[in-house]
């Protein structure tokens, strides 16, 4: 799987990987990123199908997709 991820994108995926649907603010806090960097990472990850907007949520919340989970696992293996 092709996983050229920026550090910000990888950090967001790492936060989402355990599961759950999180807001931009939650992601920024947990990934230790600025809100702007988090939004940029989410936009890029969504365009690649690695993250999706949470179904049925009123505000902008995001979750990892199966493809995103695979990218996160691949990145973790390469980092070892």
C-alpha atoms as a PDB file:
ATOM      1  CA  UNK A   1       0.000   0.000   0.000  1.00  0.00           C
ATOM      2  CA  UNK A   2       1.307   3.445  -0.945  1.00  0.00           C
ATOM      3  CA  UNK A   3       1.548   5.401   2.327  1.00  0.00           C
ATOM      4  CA  UNK A   4       3.417   8.651   1.763  1.00  0.00           C
ATOM      5  CA  UNK A   5       2.070  10.447   4.809  1.00  0.00           C
ATOM      6  CA  UNK A   6       3.235  13.688   6.356  1.00  0.00           C
ATOM      7  CA  UNK A   7       4.040  13.648  10.055  1.00  0.00           C
ATOM      8  CA  UNK A   8       0.769  15.512  10.726  1.00  0.00           C
ATOM      9  CA  UNK A   9      -1.266  13.001   8.716  1.00  0.00           C
ATOM     10  CA  UNK A  10       0.424  10.095  10.494  1.00  0.00           C
ATOM     11  CA  UNK A  11      -0.266  11.709  13.877  1.00  0.00           C
ATOM     12  CA  UNK A  12      -3.968  12.124  13.059  1.00  0.00           C
ATOM     13  CA  UNK A  13      -4.235   8.510  11.875  1.00  0.00           C
ATOM     14  CA  UNK A  14      -2.484   7.324  15.035  1.00  0.00           C
ATOM     15  CA  UNK A  15      -5.065   9.139  17.172  1.00  0.00           C
ATOM     16  CA  UNK A  16      -7.977   7.734  15.147  1.00  0.00           C
ATOM     17  CA  UNK A  17      -6.563   4.200  14.810  1.00  0.00           C
ATOM     18  CA  UNK A  18      -7.954   2.823  18.110  1.00  0.00           C
ATOM     19  CA  UNK A  19     -11.469   3.770  16.960  1.00  0.00           C
ATOM     20  CA  UNK A  20     -14.026   6.426  17.703  1.00  0.00           C
ATOM     21  CA  UNK A  21     -15.329   9.533  16.020  1.00  0.00           C
ATOM     22  CA  UNK A  22     -13.441  12.670  17.009  1.00  0.00           C
ATOM     23  CA  UNK A  23     -13.745  16.403  16.371  1.00  0.00           C
ATOM     24  CA  UNK A  24     -10.988  18.573  14.923  1.00  0.00           C
ATOM     25  CA  UNK A  25     -10.354  20.013  18.394  1.00  0.00           C
ATOM     26  CA  UNK A  26     -10.032  16.534  19.935  1.00  0.00           C
ATOM     27  CA  UNK A  27      -7.730  15.401  17.138  1.00  0.00           C
ATOM     28  CA  UNK A  28      -5.564  18.524  17.407  1.00  0.00           C
ATOM     29  CA  UNK A  29      -5.207  18.101  21.169  1.00  0.00           C
ATOM     30  CA  UNK A  30      -4.465  14.369  21.073  1.00  0.00           C
ATOM     31  CA  UNK A  31      -2.104  14.598  18.081  1.00  0.00           C
ATOM     32  CA  UNK A  32      -0.422  17.690  19.563  1.00  0.00           C
ATOM     33  CA  UNK A  33      -1.020  19.706  16.395  1.00  0.00           C
ATOM     34  CA  UNK A  34      -2.448  23.130  15.690  1.00  0.00           C
ATOM     35  CA  UNK A  35      -6.038  23.265  14.508  1.00  0.00           C
ATOM     36  CA  UNK A  36      -4.847  24.475  11.092  1.00  0.00           C
ATOM     37  CA  UNK A  37      -2.426  21.553  10.673  1.00  0.00           C
ATOM     38  CA  UNK A  38      -5.117  19.135  11.827  1.00  0.00           C
ATOM     39  CA  UNK A  39      -7.640  20.493   9.314  1.00  0.00           C
ATOM     40  CA  UNK A  40      -5.048  20.270   6.550  1.00  0.00           C
ATOM     41  CA  UNK A  41      -4.189  16.686   7.499  1.00  0.00           C
ATOM     42  CA  UNK A  42      -7.878  15.693   7.637  1.00  0.00           C
ATOM     43  CA  UNK A  43      -8.492  17.229   4.215  1.00  0.00           C
ATOM     44  CA  UNK A  44      -5.612  15.279   2.671  1.00  0.00           C
ATOM     45  CA  UNK A  45      -6.568  12.051   4.449  1.00  0.00           C
ATOM     46  CA  UNK A  46     -10.215  12.372   3.356  1.00  0.00           C
ATOM     47  CA  UNK A  47      -9.184  12.911  -0.272  1.00  0.00           C
ATOM     48  CA  UNK A  48      -7.206   9.642  -0.101  1.00  0.00           C
ATOM     49  CA  UNK A  49     -10.047   7.719   1.531  1.00  0.00           C
ATOM     50  CA  UNK A  50      -8.117   7.166   4.765  1.00  0.00           C
ATOM     51  CA  UNK A  51     -10.520   9.153   6.960  1.00  0.00           C
ATOM     52  CA  UNK A  52     -14.259   9.761   6.644  1.00  0.00           C
ATOM     53  CA  UNK A  53     -16.737  12.095   8.264  1.00  0.00           C
ATOM     54  CA  UNK A  54     -18.579  10.307  11.034  1.00  0.00           C
ATOM     55  CA  UNK A  55     -22.052   9.199   9.983  1.00  0.00           C
ATOM     56  CA  UNK A  56     -24.947  10.980  11.638  1.00  0.00           C
ATOM     57  CA  UNK A  57     -22.904  13.598  13.450  1.00  0.00           C
ATOM     58  CA  UNK A  58     -24.055  17.217  13.536  1.00  0.00           C
ATOM     59  CA  UNK A  59     -20.607  18.737  13.772  1.00  0.00           C
ATOM     60  CA  UNK A  60     -17.471  17.852  11.903  1.00  0.00           C
ATOM     61  CA  UNK A  61     -16.227  14.621  13.417  1.00  0.00           C
ATOM     62  CA  UNK A  62     -14.008  12.079  11.747  1.00  0.00           C
ATOM     63  CA  UNK A  63     -13.190   8.397  11.897  1.00  0.00           C
ATOM     64  CA  UNK A  64     -10.566   6.179  10.340  1.00  0.00           C
ATOM     65  CA  UNK A  65     -11.569   3.987   7.393  1.00  0.00           C
ATOM     66  CA  UNK A  66     -10.408   0.393   6.861  1.00  0.00           C
ATOM     67  CA  UNK A  67      -7.992   1.737   4.244  1.00  0.00           C
ATOM     68  CA  UNK A  68      -6.716   4.291   6.774  1.00  0.00           C
ATOM     69  CA  UNK A  69      -6.232   1.568   9.365  1.00  0.00           C
ATOM     70  CA  UNK A  70      -4.123  -0.352   6.837  1.00  0.00           C
ATOM     71  CA  UNK A  71      -2.024   2.751   6.151  1.00  0.00           C
ATOM     72  CA  UNK A  72      -1.530   3.310   9.886  1.00  0.00           C
ATOM     73  CA  UNK A  73      -0.401  -0.310  10.362  1.00  0.00           C
ATOM     74  CA  UNK A  74       1.951  -0.104   7.380  1.00  0.00           C
ATOM     75  CA  UNK A  75       3.457   3.120   8.696  1.00  0.00           C
ATOM     76  CA  UNK A  76       3.911   1.605  12.166  1.00  0.00           C
ATOM     77  CA  UNK A  77       5.737  -1.430  10.700  1.00  0.00           C
ATOM     78  CA  UNK A  78       8.039   0.772   8.615  1.00  0.00           C
ATOM     79  CA  UNK A  79       8.847   2.978  11.626  1.00  0.00           C
ATOM     80  CA  UNK A  80      10.118   0.030  13.666  1.00  0.00           C
END
